[in-house]
Amino acid sequence: MPVLFVLSLVLQFVCLVHMVRSGRPYWWAWIIVLGMGLGAAVYIVTQILPDLGNDPRARRAARGAIKKLDPTRDLRKLRDELSRAETVQNKMNLGAEFLALGEAKEAEEIFAQCLTGLNAHAPDLLLALAQAQFAQGKARETHETLTRLIQLNPEFRSNDGHLLFARALEALGRADEALNEYAALEESYPGEEARVRYARLLITEHRIDEAKSVLEKVRTRVRVAPKYYQKAQREWSDEAGSILQALR
């Protein structure tokens, strides 16, 4: 059977399934079936592609695919935007992209340059600077930056910032202080990362029973959570399971 004919049948089947699931008028079936490959192509262009353009999940998937094929595409775009308008927001966007690409040193330099004038105390900038510092293994500088952030912005709240503060303390060998911060995050952090990191440090400090209790909570929370949460937290849930298995 010719390859093009098989491909045409597959496309027709996909189009018919989409037509039924999306509630399109059934007269489309005649166009798809009688028109063979051309009919399927018309349906894809006029009905499926617009749907994909309006679907956030499809857009995210498309962006992810483009990112893998051309990792520096967004970086080039952000550099162009900065050359057109040298604003703090454009600099922050560029710094964030450097950080996402693993170029933490460049990100740190950009964030540090932004901390001037009216933005000298900006909490979002200070947090971004701390993240770039921690990504380079600069635990002391990270702790200093976050301490400055807290002092200058006592009302500022960030779960990611709180977790980073705990991790910086842990990296500095200040285990008791880090455990206190992780304990505070155990019920408030909107994911399982903080809990798993808390359990790891408890194990390091030979508090095995407490670590087991935290890890069991992780597994239970994920097991009873909606599918989207299970998918998002699979990495941390799997790690909790692996640690529990090792402890047994």
C-alpha atoms as a PDB file:
ATOM      1  CA  MET A   1       0.000   0.000   0.000  1.00  0.00           C
ATOM      2  CA  PRO A   2       1.563   3.335  -1.035  1.00  0.00           C
ATOM      3  CA  VAL A   3       2.864   5.435   1.820  1.00  0.00           C
ATOM      4  CA  LEU A   4       0.954   8.541   0.708  1.00  0.00           C
ATOM      5  CA  PHE A   5      -2.316   6.619   0.693  1.00  0.00           C
ATOM      6  CA  VAL A   6      -1.711   5.332   4.223  1.00  0.00           C
ATOM      7  CA  LEU A   7      -0.802   8.840   5.380  1.00  0.00           C
ATOM      8  CA  SER A   8      -4.001  10.163   3.823  1.00  0.00           C
ATOM      9  CA  LEU A   9      -6.066   7.583   5.711  1.00  0.00           C
ATOM     10  CA  VAL A  10      -4.349   8.461   8.983  1.00  0.00           C
ATOM     11  CA  LEU A  11      -4.989  12.177   8.468  1.00  0.00           C
ATOM     12  CA  GLN A  12      -8.630  11.499   7.602  1.00  0.00           C
ATOM     13  CA  PHE A  13      -9.029   9.436  10.775  1.00  0.00           C
ATOM     14  CA  VAL A  14      -7.445  12.169  12.911  1.00  0.00           C
ATOM     15  CA  CYS A  15      -9.687  14.797  11.359  1.00  0.00           C
ATOM     16  CA  LEU A  16     -12.837  12.720  11.871  1.00  0.00           C
ATOM     17  CA  VAL A  17     -11.972  12.117  15.527  1.00  0.00           C
ATOM     18  CA  HIS A  18     -11.339  15.828  16.042  1.00  0.00           C
ATOM     19  CA  MET A  19     -14.617  16.657  14.267  1.00  0.00           C
ATOM     20  CA  VAL A  20     -16.635  14.401  16.595  1.00  0.00           C
ATOM     21  CA  ARG A  21     -14.875  15.415  19.812  1.00  0.00           C
ATOM     22  CA  SER A  22     -15.038  19.135  19.071  1.00  0.00           C
ATOM     23  CA  GLY A  23     -18.685  19.068  17.959  1.00  0.00           C
ATOM     24  CA  ARG A  24     -18.026  20.296  14.419  1.00  0.00           C
ATOM     25  CA  PRO A  25     -20.914  20.002  11.890  1.00  0.00           C
ATOM     26  CA  TYR A  26     -21.134  16.517  10.390  1.00  0.00           C
ATOM     27  CA  TRP A  27     -21.013  17.832   6.844  1.00  0.00           C
ATOM     28  CA  TRP A  28     -17.276  18.131   7.443  1.00  0.00           C
ATOM     29  CA  ALA A  29     -17.170  14.321   7.282  1.00  0.00           C
ATOM     30  CA  TRP A  30     -18.146  14.434   3.600  1.00  0.00           C
ATOM     31  CA  ILE A  31     -15.366  16.910   2.845  1.00  0.00           C
ATOM     32  CA  ILE A  32     -12.811  14.841   4.757  1.00  0.00           C
ATOM     33  CA  VAL A  33     -13.830  11.468   3.293  1.00  0.00           C
ATOM     34  CA  LEU A  34     -14.620  12.444  -0.282  1.00  0.00           C
ATOM     35  CA  GLY A  35     -11.807  14.943  -0.501  1.00  0.00           C
ATOM     36  CA  MET A  36      -9.237  12.383   0.712  1.00  0.00           C
ATOM     37  CA  GLY A  37      -5.913  14.079   1.431  1.00  0.00           C
ATOM     38  CA  LEU A  38      -7.064  17.471   0.146  1.00  0.00           C
ATOM     39  CA  GLY A  39     -10.187  17.397   2.302  1.00  0.00           C
ATOM     40  CA  ALA A  40      -8.144  16.453   5.372  1.00  0.00           C
ATOM     41  CA  ALA A  41      -5.673  19.243   4.614  1.00  0.00           C
ATOM     42  CA  VAL A  42      -8.484  21.798   4.356  1.00  0.00           C
ATOM     43  CA  TYR A  43      -9.911  20.625   7.688  1.00  0.00           C
ATOM     44  CA  ILE A  44      -6.510  20.767   9.410  1.00  0.00           C
ATOM     45  CA  VAL A  45      -5.779  24.286   8.156  1.00  0.00           C
ATOM     46  CA  THR A  46      -9.233  25.739   8.861  1.00  0.00           C
ATOM     47  CA  GLN A  47     -10.252  23.864  12.015  1.00  0.00           C
ATOM     48  CA  ILE A  48      -7.405  22.098  13.870  1.00  0.00           C
ATOM     49  CA  LEU A  49      -4.645  24.693  13.587  1.00  0.00           C
ATOM     50  CA  PRO A  50      -6.807  27.571  14.899  1.00  0.00           C
ATOM     51  CA  ASP A  51      -7.813  25.370  17.841  1.00  0.00           C
ATOM     52  CA  LEU A  52      -4.174  24.667  18.618  1.00  0.00           C
ATOM     53  CA  GLY A  53      -3.426  28.366  18.482  1.00  0.00           C
ATOM     54  CA  ASN A  54      -6.048  28.998  21.151  1.00  0.00           C
ATOM     55  CA  ASP A  55      -4.976  26.091  23.381  1.00  0.00           C
ATOM     56  CA  PRO A  56      -2.484  27.157  26.100  1.00  0.00           C
ATOM     57  CA  ARG A  57      -1.142  23.604  26.365  1.00  0.00           C
ATOM     58  CA  ALA A  58      -0.498  23.463  22.630  1.00  0.00           C
ATOM     59  CA  ARG A  59       1.223  26.837  22.707  1.00  0.00           C
ATOM     60  CA  ARG A  60       3.425  25.706  25.602  1.00  0.00           C
ATOM     61  CA  ALA A  61       4.301  22.508  23.764  1.00  0.00           C
ATOM     62  CA  ALA A  62       5.157  24.471  20.623  1.00  0.00           C
ATOM     63  CA  ARG A  63       7.334  26.890  22.574  1.00  0.00           C
ATOM     64  CA  GLY A  64       9.060  23.969  24.260  1.00  0.00           C
ATOM     65  CA  ALA A  65       9.793  22.306  20.932  1.00  0.00           C
ATOM     66  CA  ILE A  66      11.170  25.544  19.483  1.00  0.00           C
ATOM     67  CA  LYS A  67      13.296  26.036  22.609  1.00  0.00           C
ATOM     68  CA  LYS A  68      14.875  22.608  22.188  1.00  0.00           C
ATOM     69  CA  LEU A  69      15.604  23.186  18.518  1.00  0.00           C
ATOM     70  CA  ASP A  70      16.987  26.694  19.058  1.00  0.00           C
ATOM     71  CA  PRO A  71      17.899  27.242  22.751  1.00  0.00           C
ATOM     72  CA  THR A  72      19.180  30.793  22.259  1.00  0.00           C
ATOM     73  CA  ARG A  73      16.239  32.046  20.180  1.00  0.00           C
ATOM     74  CA  ASP A  74      14.622  33.873  23.106  1.00  0.00           C
ATOM     75  CA  LEU A  75      17.999  35.199  24.215  1.00  0.00           C
ATOM     76  CA  ARG A  76      18.559  36.840  20.843  1.00  0.00           C
ATOM     77  CA  LYS A  77      15.062  38.280  20.901  1.00  0.00           C
ATOM     78  CA  LEU A  78      15.535  39.713  24.402  1.00  0.00           C
ATOM     79  CA  ARG A  79      18.871  41.248  23.441  1.00  0.00           C
ATOM     80  CA  ASP A  80      17.187  42.947  20.505  1.00  0.00           C
ATOM     81  CA  GLU A  81      14.456  44.273  22.787  1.00  0.00           C
ATOM     82  CA  LEU A  82      17.071  45.612  25.203  1.00  0.00           C
ATOM     83  CA  SER A  83      18.923  47.341  22.384  1.00  0.00           C
ATOM     84  CA  ARG A  84      15.667  49.071  21.409  1.00  0.00           C
ATOM     85  CA  ALA A  85      14.721  50.046  24.967  1.00  0.00           C
ATOM     86  CA  GLU A  86      17.206  49.799  27.817  1.00  0.00           C
ATOM     87  CA  THR A  87      14.624  49.449  30.581  1.00  0.00           C
ATOM     88  CA  VAL A  88      14.981  47.646  33.886  1.00  0.00           C
ATOM     89  CA  GLN A  89      12.240  45.212  32.873  1.00  0.00           C
ATOM     90  CA  ASN A  90      14.045  44.332  29.647  1.00  0.00           C
ATOM     91  CA  LYS A  91      17.266  43.819  31.597  1.00  0.00           C
ATOM     92  CA  MET A  92      15.463  41.590  34.101  1.00  0.00           C
ATOM     93  CA  ASN A  93      13.966  39.538  31.279  1.00  0.00           C
ATOM     94  CA  LEU A  94      17.399  39.096  29.720  1.00  0.00           C
ATOM     95  CA  GLY A  95      18.918  38.136  33.060  1.00  0.00           C
ATOM     96  CA  ALA A  96      16.172  35.598  33.673  1.00  0.00           C
ATOM     97  CA  GLU A  97      16.821  34.025  30.274  1.00  0.00           C
ATOM     98  CA  PHE A  98      20.561  33.795  30.985  1.00  0.00           C
ATOM     99  CA  LEU A  99      19.718  32.084  34.271  1.00  0.00           C
ATOM    100  CA  ALA A 100      17.349  29.647  32.538  1.00  0.00           C
ATOM    101  CA  LEU A 101      20.143  28.765  30.093  1.00  0.00           C
ATOM    102  CA  GLY A 102      22.557  28.045  32.940  1.00  0.00           C
ATOM    103  CA  GLU A 103      24.588  31.222  32.427  1.00  0.00           C
ATOM    104  CA  ALA A 104      24.285  32.315  36.049  1.00  0.00           C
ATOM    105  CA  LYS A 105      27.356  34.581  36.061  1.00  0.00           C
ATOM    106  CA  GLU A 106      25.959  36.724  33.245  1.00  0.00           C
ATOM    107  CA  ALA A 107      22.577  36.773  34.985  1.00  0.00           C
ATOM    108  CA  GLU A 108      24.150  37.917  38.256  1.00  0.00           C
ATOM    109  CA  GLU A 109      25.950  40.781  36.530  1.00  0.00           C
ATOM    110  CA  ILE A 110      22.746  41.980  34.858  1.00  0.00           C
ATOM    111  CA  PHE A 111      20.657  41.798  38.039  1.00  0.00           C
ATOM    112  CA  ALA A 112      23.353  43.602  40.028  1.00  0.00           C
ATOM    113  CA  GLN A 113      23.418  46.405  37.436  1.00  0.00           C
ATOM    114  CA  CYS A 114      19.668  46.861  37.839  1.00  0.00           C
ATOM    115  CA  LEU A 115      19.881  47.462  41.590  1.00  0.00           C
ATOM    116  CA  THR A 116      20.321  51.212  41.378  1.00  0.00           C
ATOM    117  CA  GLY A 117      18.204  54.300  41.950  1.00  0.00           C
ATOM    118  CA  LEU A 118      14.523  53.554  42.499  1.00  0.00           C
ATOM    119  CA  ASN A 119      15.215  49.843  42.059  1.00  0.00           C
ATOM    120  CA  ALA A 120      17.990  49.621  44.643  1.00  0.00           C
ATOM    121  CA  HIS A 121      15.662  47.863  47.118  1.00  0.00           C
ATOM    122  CA  ALA A 122      13.408  46.052  44.635  1.00  0.00           C
ATOM    123  CA  PRO A 123      12.551  42.649  46.166  1.00  0.00           C
ATOM    124  CA  ASP A 124      12.080  40.852  42.838  1.00  0.00           C
ATOM    125  CA  LEU A 125      15.504  41.995  41.691  1.00  0.00           C
ATOM    126  CA  LEU A 126      17.164  41.005  44.954  1.00  0.00           C
ATOM    127  CA  LEU A 127      15.551  37.578  44.772  1.00  0.00           C
ATOM    128  CA  ALA A 128      16.673  37.124  41.168  1.00  0.00           C
ATOM    129  CA  LEU A 129      20.210  38.152  42.161  1.00  0.00           C
ATOM    130  CA  ALA A 130      20.190  35.604  45.002  1.00  0.00           C
ATOM    131  CA  GLN A 131      19.019  32.877  42.621  1.00  0.00           C
ATOM    132  CA  ALA A 132      21.843  33.657  40.211  1.00  0.00           C
ATOM    133  CA  GLN A 133      24.350  33.620  43.063  1.00  0.00           C
ATOM    134  CA  PHE A 134      23.113  30.304  44.422  1.00  0.00           C
ATOM    135  CA  ALA A 135      23.261  28.759  40.949  1.00  0.00           C
ATOM    136  CA  GLN A 136      27.010  29.462  41.044  1.00  0.00           C
ATOM    137  CA  GLY A 137      27.435  27.874  44.463  1.00  0.00           C
ATOM    138  CA  LYS A 138      27.774  31.235  46.222  1.00  0.00           C
ATOM    139  CA  ALA A 139      25.894  30.286  49.391  1.00  0.00           C
ATOM    140  CA  ARG A 140      27.326  33.106  51.521  1.00  0.00           C
ATOM    141  CA  GLU A 141      26.482  35.791  48.953  1.00  0.00           C
ATOM    142  CA  THR A 142      23.024  34.264  48.508  1.00  0.00           C
ATOM    143  CA  HIS A 143      22.355  34.443  52.240  1.00  0.00           C
ATOM    144  CA  GLU A 144      23.600  38.034  52.395  1.00  0.00           C
ATOM    145  CA  THR A 145      21.406  39.093  49.477  1.00  0.00           C
ATOM    146  CA  LEU A 146      18.307  37.424  50.923  1.00  0.00           C
ATOM    147  CA  THR A 147      18.988  38.909  54.351  1.00  0.00           C
ATOM    148  CA  ARG A 148      19.201  42.320  52.711  1.00  0.00           C
ATOM    149  CA  LEU A 149      15.943  41.626  50.881  1.00  0.00           C
ATOM    150  CA  ILE A 150      14.168  40.769  54.149  1.00  0.00           C
ATOM    151  CA  GLN A 151      15.544  43.808  55.944  1.00  0.00           C
ATOM    152  CA  LEU A 152      14.580  46.210  53.169  1.00  0.00           C
ATOM    153  CA  ASN A 153      11.216  44.601  52.348  1.00  0.00           C
ATOM    154  CA  PRO A 154       9.767  43.083  55.542  1.00  0.00           C
ATOM    155  CA  GLU A 155       6.318  42.650  53.961  1.00  0.00           C
ATOM    156  CA  PHE A 156       7.599  40.783  50.906  1.00  0.00           C
ATOM    157  CA  ARG A 157       6.572  37.114  50.690  1.00  0.00           C
ATOM    158  CA  SER A 158       7.909  34.499  48.290  1.00  0.00           C
ATOM    159  CA  ASN A 159       7.763  30.729  48.687  1.00  0.00           C
ATOM    160  CA  ASP A 160      10.673  30.319  46.285  1.00  0.00           C
ATOM    161  CA  GLY A 161      12.650  32.937  48.169  1.00  0.00           C
ATOM    162  CA  HIS A 162      11.940  31.225  51.480  1.00  0.00           C
ATOM    163  CA  LEU A 163      13.069  27.876  50.074  1.00  0.00           C
ATOM    164  CA  LEU A 164      16.232  29.463  48.675  1.00  0.00           C
ATOM    165  CA  PHE A 165      16.958  30.958  52.096  1.00  0.00           C
ATOM    166  CA  ALA A 166      16.678  27.496  53.687  1.00  0.00           C
ATOM    167  CA  ARG A 167      18.931  25.973  51.046  1.00  0.00           C
ATOM    168  CA  ALA A 168      21.528  28.706  51.527  1.00  0.00           C
ATOM    169  CA  LEU A 169      21.585  28.040  55.267  1.00  0.00           C
ATOM    170  CA  GLU A 170      21.967  24.322  54.604  1.00  0.00           C
ATOM    171  CA  ALA A 171      24.829  24.953  52.177  1.00  0.00           C
ATOM    172  CA  LEU A 172      26.536  27.090  54.816  1.00  0.00           C
ATOM    173  CA  GLY A 173      26.390  24.207  57.305  1.00  0.00           C
ATOM    174  CA  ARG A 174      23.835  25.933  59.518  1.00  0.00           C
ATOM    175  CA  ALA A 175      21.671  22.827  59.740  1.00  0.00           C
ATOM    176  CA  ASP A 176      19.513  23.767  62.731  1.00  0.00           C
ATOM    177  CA  GLU A 177      18.523  27.086  61.182  1.00  0.00           C
ATOM    178  CA  ALA A 178      17.877  25.416  57.835  1.00  0.00           C
ATOM    179  CA  LEU A 179      15.670  22.780  59.486  1.00  0.00           C
ATOM    180  CA  ASN A 180      13.613  25.516  61.115  1.00  0.00           C
ATOM    181  CA  GLU A 181      13.069  27.165  57.746  1.00  0.00           C
ATOM    182  CA  TYR A 182      12.198  23.869  56.050  1.00  0.00           C
ATOM    183  CA  ALA A 183       9.760  23.069  58.859  1.00  0.00           C
ATOM    184  CA  ALA A 184       8.033  26.411  58.285  1.00  0.00           C
ATOM    185  CA  LEU A 185       7.778  25.568  54.583  1.00  0.00           C
ATOM    186  CA  GLU A 186       6.454  22.052  55.111  1.00  0.00           C
ATOM    187  CA  GLU A 187       2.797  23.073  55.094  1.00  0.00           C
ATOM    188  CA  SER A 188       3.000  26.291  53.094  1.00  0.00           C
ATOM    189  CA  TYR A 189       5.172  25.459  50.074  1.00  0.00           C
ATOM    190  CA  PRO A 190       2.996  24.853  46.970  1.00  0.00           C
ATOM    191  CA  GLY A 191       4.851  21.753  45.842  1.00  0.00           C
ATOM    192  CA  GLU A 192       6.842  18.830  47.217  1.00  0.00           C
ATOM    193  CA  GLU A 193      10.391  20.096  46.686  1.00  0.00           C
ATOM    194  CA  ALA A 194      10.666  21.788  50.083  1.00  0.00           C
ATOM    195  CA  ARG A 195       9.397  18.686  51.890  1.00  0.00           C
ATOM    196  CA  VAL A 196      11.800  16.346  50.137  1.00  0.00           C
ATOM    197  CA  ARG A 197      14.721  18.671  50.834  1.00  0.00           C
ATOM    198  CA  TYR A 198      13.562  18.871  54.464  1.00  0.00           C
ATOM    199  CA  ALA A 199      13.564  15.075  54.697  1.00  0.00           C
ATOM    200  CA  ARG A 200      17.036  14.860  53.167  1.00  0.00           C
ATOM    201  CA  LEU A 201      18.464  17.182  55.785  1.00  0.00           C
ATOM    202  CA  LEU A 202      16.654  15.334  58.585  1.00  0.00           C
ATOM    203  CA  ILE A 203      18.351  12.152  57.405  1.00  0.00           C
ATOM    204  CA  THR A 204      21.724  13.901  57.348  1.00  0.00           C
ATOM    205  CA  GLU A 205      21.070  14.946  60.952  1.00  0.00           C
ATOM    206  CA  HIS A 206      20.150  11.325  61.855  1.00  0.00           C
ATOM    207  CA  ARG A 207      16.485  12.129  62.497  1.00  0.00           C
ATOM    208  CA  ILE A 208      15.292   9.172  60.466  1.00  0.00           C
ATOM    209  CA  ASP A 209      11.792   8.732  61.891  1.00  0.00           C
ATOM    210  CA  GLU A 210      10.949  12.381  61.277  1.00  0.00           C
ATOM    211  CA  ALA A 211      12.277  12.116  57.725  1.00  0.00           C
ATOM    212  CA  LYS A 212      10.142   9.029  57.064  1.00  0.00           C
ATOM    213  CA  SER A 213       7.053  10.867  58.306  1.00  0.00           C
ATOM    214  CA  VAL A 214       7.705  13.807  55.968  1.00  0.00           C
ATOM    215  CA  LEU A 215       8.336  11.527  52.993  1.00  0.00           C
ATOM    216  CA  GLU A 216       5.188   9.500  53.662  1.00  0.00           C
ATOM    217  CA  LYS A 217       3.238  12.771  53.625  1.00  0.00           C
ATOM    218  CA  VAL A 218       4.768  13.607  50.260  1.00  0.00           C
ATOM    219  CA  ARG A 219       3.672  10.290  48.793  1.00  0.00           C
ATOM    220  CA  THR A 220       0.174  10.599  50.265  1.00  0.00           C
ATOM    221  CA  ARG A 221      -0.310  14.196  49.122  1.00  0.00           C
ATOM    222  CA  VAL A 222       0.664  13.356  45.569  1.00  0.00           C
ATOM    223  CA  ARG A 223      -1.357  10.143  45.461  1.00  0.00           C
ATOM    224  CA  VAL A 224      -4.639  11.885  46.395  1.00  0.00           C
ATOM    225  CA  ALA A 225      -3.952  15.051  44.374  1.00  0.00           C
ATOM    226  CA  PRO A 226      -5.439  15.882  40.947  1.00  0.00           C
ATOM    227  CA  LYS A 227      -3.688  14.500  37.877  1.00  0.00           C
ATOM    228  CA  TYR A 228      -2.058  17.806  36.949  1.00  0.00           C
ATOM    229  CA  TYR A 229      -0.424  17.999  40.395  1.00  0.00           C
ATOM    230  CA  GLN A 230       0.737  14.380  40.209  1.00  0.00           C
ATOM    231  CA  LYS A 231       2.364  15.087  36.862  1.00  0.00           C
ATOM    232  CA  ALA A 232       3.996  18.325  38.033  1.00  0.00           C
ATOM    233  CA  GLN A 233       5.354  16.736  41.226  1.00  0.00           C
ATOM    234  CA  ARG A 234       6.315  13.321  39.826  1.00  0.00           C
ATOM    235  CA  GLU A 235      10.058  13.975  40.150  1.00  0.00           C
ATOM    236  CA  TRP A 236       9.811  14.789  43.856  1.00  0.00           C
ATOM    237  CA  SER A 237       7.287  12.050  44.578  1.00  0.00           C
ATOM    238  CA  ASP A 238       9.515   9.471  42.904  1.00  0.00           C
ATOM    239  CA  GLU A 239      12.507  10.695  44.887  1.00  0.00           C
ATOM    240  CA  ALA A 240      10.525  10.465  48.124  1.00  0.00           C
ATOM    241  CA  GLY A 241       9.630   6.875  47.235  1.00  0.00           C
ATOM    242  CA  SER A 242      13.246   6.019  46.425  1.00  0.00           C
ATOM    243  CA  ILE A 243      14.492   7.455  49.714  1.00  0.00           C
ATOM    244  CA  LEU A 244      11.818   5.598  51.680  1.00  0.00           C
ATOM    245  CA  GLN A 245      12.783   2.376  49.937  1.00  0.00           C
ATOM    246  CA  ALA A 246      16.432   2.921  50.832  1.00  0.00           C
ATOM    247  CA  LEU A 247      15.574   3.664  54.460  1.00  0.00           C
ATOM    248  CA  ARG A 248      13.650   0.403  54.699  1.00  0.00           C
END
